[in-house]
Amino acid sequence: MAARRRPYWSLLARVLLCSAALGLLVWLASFAWSVTYGSRDLYLSLDRGAVYFSTDPLTARPTGWLIERPSGEIRFLFNAFPVLWGPNTYWRGWLPLWLPLLLLAAGGLAAAWLARVRVPPGYCAGCGYNLTGNVSGRCPECGRSAAPPAPRQ
């Protein structure tokens, strides 16, 4: 039996799998280059397979964008924690990129599986037309051969 596609699930599967592939390239590139953005209240860095972040306004750091060789160690687990002291509270932590890549790929594979529609016996595998009583051997809608598949041995 051939399968037709559900267009919305098929589109979602393509978007998610392409996003996962692009994310994989970004993840691999993060081991060669470190991209950092700093402002007065925010610090973001894509470095060694993870996104590092901090909202500490008192830490001295470069402002603007910076691209350099990566530094620090590789982080494999998610970590985010608030730092509480005095009147100031800020967040600091990191998110390893393998986690969103895994979620995107799993979602894309699930959407691709849902995109498949099984054609029941007696229907055209190309367009889904009901072939009950058809004696010509061709689908009248799309012209595809309506011959049943050969039995497996």
C-alpha atoms as a PDB file:
ATOM      1  CA  MET A   1       0.000   0.000   0.000  1.00  0.00           C
ATOM      2  CA  ALA A   2       1.306   3.393  -0.888  1.00  0.00           C
ATOM      3  CA  ALA A   3       0.772   6.357   1.360  1.00  0.00           C
ATOM      4  CA  ARG A   4      -0.595   9.828   0.788  1.00  0.00           C
ATOM      5  CA  ARG A   5       0.551  12.786   2.817  1.00  0.00           C
ATOM      6  CA  ARG A   6      -1.373  15.106   5.082  1.00  0.00           C
ATOM      7  CA  PRO A   7      -0.086  18.499   3.940  1.00  0.00           C
ATOM      8  CA  TYR A   8      -0.004  20.263   7.332  1.00  0.00           C
ATOM      9  CA  TRP A   9       1.825  17.472   9.131  1.00  0.00           C
ATOM     10  CA  SER A  10       4.175  17.125   6.192  1.00  0.00           C
ATOM     11  CA  LEU A  11       4.973  20.857   6.250  1.00  0.00           C
ATOM     12  CA  LEU A  12       5.489  20.794  10.026  1.00  0.00           C
ATOM     13  CA  ALA A  13       7.811  17.792   9.688  1.00  0.00           C
ATOM     14  CA  ARG A  14       9.904  19.573   7.056  1.00  0.00           C
ATOM     15  CA  VAL A  15      10.143  22.763   9.119  1.00  0.00           C
ATOM     16  CA  LEU A  16      11.134  20.921  12.297  1.00  0.00           C
ATOM     17  CA  LEU A  17      13.686  18.663  10.611  1.00  0.00           C
ATOM     18  CA  CYS A  18      15.251  21.584   8.691  1.00  0.00           C
ATOM     19  CA  SER A  19      15.414  23.559  11.951  1.00  0.00           C
ATOM     20  CA  ALA A  20      17.123  20.609  13.637  1.00  0.00           C
ATOM     21  CA  ALA A  21      19.644  20.369  10.773  1.00  0.00           C
ATOM     22  CA  LEU A  22      20.378  24.105  10.975  1.00  0.00           C
ATOM     23  CA  GLY A  23      20.687  23.833  14.752  1.00  0.00           C
ATOM     24  CA  LEU A  24      23.140  20.974  14.330  1.00  0.00           C
ATOM     25  CA  LEU A  25      25.320  23.191  12.121  1.00  0.00           C
ATOM     26  CA  VAL A  26      25.176  25.988  14.720  1.00  0.00           C
ATOM     27  CA  TRP A  27      26.039  23.502  17.464  1.00  0.00           C
ATOM     28  CA  LEU A  28      29.067  22.228  15.536  1.00  0.00           C
ATOM     29  CA  ALA A  29      30.178  25.783  14.709  1.00  0.00           C
ATOM     30  CA  SER A  30      30.002  26.715  18.405  1.00  0.00           C
ATOM     31  CA  PHE A  31      32.981  24.448  19.056  1.00  0.00           C
ATOM     32  CA  ALA A  32      35.096  26.472  16.595  1.00  0.00           C
ATOM     33  CA  TRP A  33      33.841  30.017  17.345  1.00  0.00           C
ATOM     34  CA  SER A  34      32.301  31.748  20.317  1.00  0.00           C
ATOM     35  CA  VAL A  35      29.653  34.421  19.647  1.00  0.00           C
ATOM     36  CA  THR A  36      28.950  36.768  22.552  1.00  0.00           C
ATOM     37  CA  TYR A  37      26.511  39.619  23.082  1.00  0.00           C
ATOM     38  CA  GLY A  38      26.772  41.884  26.089  1.00  0.00           C
ATOM     39  CA  SER A  39      24.723  44.845  27.259  1.00  0.00           C
ATOM     40  CA  ARG A  40      24.197  46.569  30.573  1.00  0.00           C
ATOM     41  CA  ASP A  41      21.637  44.042  31.827  1.00  0.00           C
ATOM     42  CA  LEU A  42      22.166  40.949  29.676  1.00  0.00           C
ATOM     43  CA  TYR A  43      24.995  38.632  28.706  1.00  0.00           C
ATOM     44  CA  LEU A  44      24.518  35.868  26.090  1.00  0.00           C
ATOM     45  CA  SER A  45      27.207  33.603  24.720  1.00  0.00           C
ATOM     46  CA  LEU A  46      27.085  30.701  22.275  1.00  0.00           C
ATOM     47  CA  ASP A  47      30.179  28.775  23.290  1.00  0.00           C
ATOM     48  CA  ARG A  48      31.283  25.113  23.211  1.00  0.00           C
ATOM     49  CA  GLY A  49      27.863  23.612  22.477  1.00  0.00           C
ATOM     50  CA  ALA A  50      25.819  25.663  24.946  1.00  0.00           C
ATOM     51  CA  VAL A  51      24.147  29.033  25.344  1.00  0.00           C
ATOM     52  CA  TYR A  52      25.335  30.834  28.465  1.00  0.00           C
ATOM     53  CA  PHE A  53      23.291  33.672  29.953  1.00  0.00           C
ATOM     54  CA  SER A  54      23.411  36.128  32.826  1.00  0.00           C
ATOM     55  CA  THR A  55      21.279  39.090  33.857  1.00  0.00           C
ATOM     56  CA  ASP A  56      23.774  40.410  36.416  1.00  0.00           C
ATOM     57  CA  PRO A  57      24.084  44.192  35.870  1.00  0.00           C
ATOM     58  CA  LEU A  58      27.218  44.487  38.045  1.00  0.00           C
ATOM     59  CA  THR A  59      29.480  42.110  36.124  1.00  0.00           C
ATOM     60  CA  ALA A  60      32.017  43.869  33.937  1.00  0.00           C
ATOM     61  CA  ARG A  61      31.757  42.529  30.394  1.00  0.00           C
ATOM     62  CA  PRO A  62      32.144  43.761  26.835  1.00  0.00           C
ATOM     63  CA  THR A  63      29.165  45.527  25.302  1.00  0.00           C
ATOM     64  CA  GLY A  64      27.992  44.664  21.811  1.00  0.00           C
ATOM     65  CA  TRP A  65      28.897  41.632  19.721  1.00  0.00           C
ATOM     66  CA  LEU A  66      32.150  39.691  19.943  1.00  0.00           C
ATOM     67  CA  ILE A  67      33.353  36.666  17.945  1.00  0.00           C
ATOM     68  CA  GLU A  68      36.406  34.796  19.220  1.00  0.00           C
ATOM     69  CA  ARG A  69      37.822  31.339  19.905  1.00  0.00           C
ATOM     70  CA  PRO A  70      35.766  29.384  22.464  1.00  0.00           C
ATOM     71  CA  SER A  71      36.770  29.281  26.098  1.00  0.00           C
ATOM     72  CA  GLY A  72      35.556  27.380  29.106  1.00  0.00           C
ATOM     73  CA  GLU A  73      34.468  23.801  29.440  1.00  0.00           C
ATOM     74  CA  ILE A  74      31.761  21.842  27.642  1.00  0.00           C
ATOM     75  CA  ARG A  75      28.441  21.706  29.518  1.00  0.00           C
ATOM     76  CA  PHE A  76      26.102  18.778  28.943  1.00  0.00           C
ATOM     77  CA  LEU A  77      23.318  19.457  31.457  1.00  0.00           C
ATOM     78  CA  PHE A  78      20.905  22.376  31.805  1.00  0.00           C
ATOM     79  CA  ASN A  79      21.531  24.801  34.637  1.00  0.00           C
ATOM     80  CA  ALA A  80      19.790  28.026  35.632  1.00  0.00           C
ATOM     81  CA  PHE A  81      19.793  29.500  39.071  1.00  0.00           C
ATOM     82  CA  PRO A  82      18.856  32.805  40.667  1.00  0.00           C
ATOM     83  CA  VAL A  83      21.487  34.662  42.625  1.00  0.00           C
ATOM     84  CA  LEU A  84      19.908  36.477  45.545  1.00  0.00           C
ATOM     85  CA  TRP A  85      21.795  39.129  47.428  1.00  0.00           C
ATOM     86  CA  GLY A  86      20.668  42.452  48.853  1.00  0.00           C
ATOM     87  CA  PRO A  87      18.169  44.330  46.697  1.00  0.00           C
ATOM     88  CA  ASN A  88      19.465  42.693  43.498  1.00  0.00           C
ATOM     89  CA  THR A  89      18.375  39.360  42.071  1.00  0.00           C
ATOM     90  CA  TYR A  90      19.736  38.043  38.798  1.00  0.00           C
ATOM     91  CA  TRP A  91      19.781  34.824  36.789  1.00  0.00           C
ATOM     92  CA  ARG A  92      22.792  32.938  35.527  1.00  0.00           C
ATOM     93  CA  GLY A  93      23.114  29.588  33.775  1.00  0.00           C
ATOM     94  CA  TRP A  94      23.438  27.717  30.507  1.00  0.00           C
ATOM     95  CA  LEU A  95      21.409  25.593  28.106  1.00  0.00           C
ATOM     96  CA  PRO A  96      23.224  22.858  26.153  1.00  0.00           C
ATOM     97  CA  LEU A  97      22.196  22.923  22.488  1.00  0.00           C
ATOM     98  CA  TRP A  98      21.757  19.165  22.211  1.00  0.00           C
ATOM     99  CA  LEU A  99      18.532  19.450  24.230  1.00  0.00           C
ATOM    100  CA  PRO A 100      16.550  21.679  21.799  1.00  0.00           C
ATOM    101  CA  LEU A 101      18.089  19.761  18.867  1.00  0.00           C
ATOM    102  CA  LEU A 102      16.777  16.507  20.299  1.00  0.00           C
ATOM    103  CA  LEU A 103      13.312  18.031  20.818  1.00  0.00           C
ATOM    104  CA  LEU A 104      13.204  19.459  17.269  1.00  0.00           C
ATOM    105  CA  ALA A 105      14.309  16.174  15.699  1.00  0.00           C
ATOM    106  CA  ALA A 106      11.841  14.116  17.767  1.00  0.00           C
ATOM    107  CA  GLY A 107       9.005  16.495  16.883  1.00  0.00           C
ATOM    108  CA  GLY A 108       9.952  16.389  13.204  1.00  0.00           C
ATOM    109  CA  LEU A 109      10.035  12.598  13.142  1.00  0.00           C
ATOM    110  CA  ALA A 110       6.690  12.407  14.955  1.00  0.00           C
ATOM    111  CA  ALA A 111       5.131  14.871  12.484  1.00  0.00           C
ATOM    112  CA  ALA A 112       6.543  12.885   9.549  1.00  0.00           C
ATOM    113  CA  TRP A 113       4.990   9.729  10.981  1.00  0.00           C
ATOM    114  CA  LEU A 114       1.635  11.496  11.403  1.00  0.00           C
ATOM    115  CA  ALA A 115       1.836  12.828   7.838  1.00  0.00           C
ATOM    116  CA  ARG A 116       1.459   9.339   6.409  1.00  0.00           C
ATOM    117  CA  VAL A 117      -2.082   8.244   5.580  1.00  0.00           C
ATOM    118  CA  ARG A 118      -2.644   4.595   4.815  1.00  0.00           C
ATOM    119  CA  VAL A 119      -4.830   4.001   1.774  1.00  0.00           C
ATOM    120  CA  PRO A 120      -7.417   1.306   2.528  1.00  0.00           C
ATOM    121  CA  PRO A 121      -7.789  -1.642   0.156  1.00  0.00           C
ATOM    122  CA  GLY A 122     -10.033  -0.915  -2.823  1.00  0.00           C
ATOM    123  CA  TYR A 123      -8.923   2.726  -3.133  1.00  0.00           C
ATOM    124  CA  CYS A 124      -6.416   4.303  -5.532  1.00  0.00           C
ATOM    125  CA  ALA A 125      -2.961   4.661  -3.990  1.00  0.00           C
ATOM    126  CA  GLY A 126      -2.372   7.879  -5.946  1.00  0.00           C
ATOM    127  CA  CYS A 127      -5.507   9.935  -5.308  1.00  0.00           C
ATOM    128  CA  GLY A 128      -7.648   7.907  -2.881  1.00  0.00           C
ATOM    129  CA  TYR A 129     -10.528   7.372  -5.330  1.00  0.00           C
ATOM    130  CA  ASN A 130     -12.872   4.465  -4.504  1.00  0.00           C
ATOM    131  CA  LEU A 131     -12.182   1.781  -7.107  1.00  0.00           C
ATOM    132  CA  THR A 132     -15.029  -0.567  -6.128  1.00  0.00           C
ATOM    133  CA  GLY A 133     -16.433  -2.115  -9.300  1.00  0.00           C
ATOM    134  CA  ASN A 134     -13.635  -0.792 -11.526  1.00  0.00           C
ATOM    135  CA  VAL A 135     -12.924  -3.270 -14.315  1.00  0.00           C
ATOM    136  CA  SER A 136     -10.646  -1.142 -16.520  1.00  0.00           C
ATOM    137  CA  GLY A 137      -7.558  -1.644 -14.363  1.00  0.00           C
ATOM    138  CA  ARG A 138      -6.905   2.135 -14.252  1.00  0.00           C
ATOM    139  CA  CYS A 139      -8.092   4.826 -11.852  1.00  0.00           C
ATOM    140  CA  PRO A 140     -10.609   7.100 -13.636  1.00  0.00           C
ATOM    141  CA  GLU A 141      -9.443  10.112 -11.576  1.00  0.00           C
ATOM    142  CA  CYS A 142      -5.668  10.074 -11.977  1.00  0.00           C
ATOM    143  CA  GLY A 143      -5.037   7.330 -14.549  1.00  0.00           C
ATOM    144  CA  ARG A 144      -2.796   5.295 -12.259  1.00  0.00           C
ATOM    145  CA  SER A 145      -2.770   1.509 -12.586  1.00  0.00           C
ATOM    146  CA  ALA A 146      -5.339   0.013 -10.216  1.00  0.00           C
ATOM    147  CA  ALA A 147      -3.797  -3.430 -10.229  1.00  0.00           C
ATOM    148  CA  PRO A 148      -3.357  -4.841  -6.730  1.00  0.00           C
ATOM    149  CA  PRO A 149       0.230  -5.294  -5.588  1.00  0.00           C
ATOM    150  CA  ALA A 150       1.816  -8.674  -6.151  1.00  0.00           C
ATOM    151  CA  PRO A 151       1.625 -10.947  -3.101  1.00  0.00           C
ATOM    152  CA  ARG A 152       4.816 -11.393  -1.090  1.00  0.00           C
ATOM    153  CA  GLN A 153       6.500 -14.754  -1.113  1.00  0.00           C
END
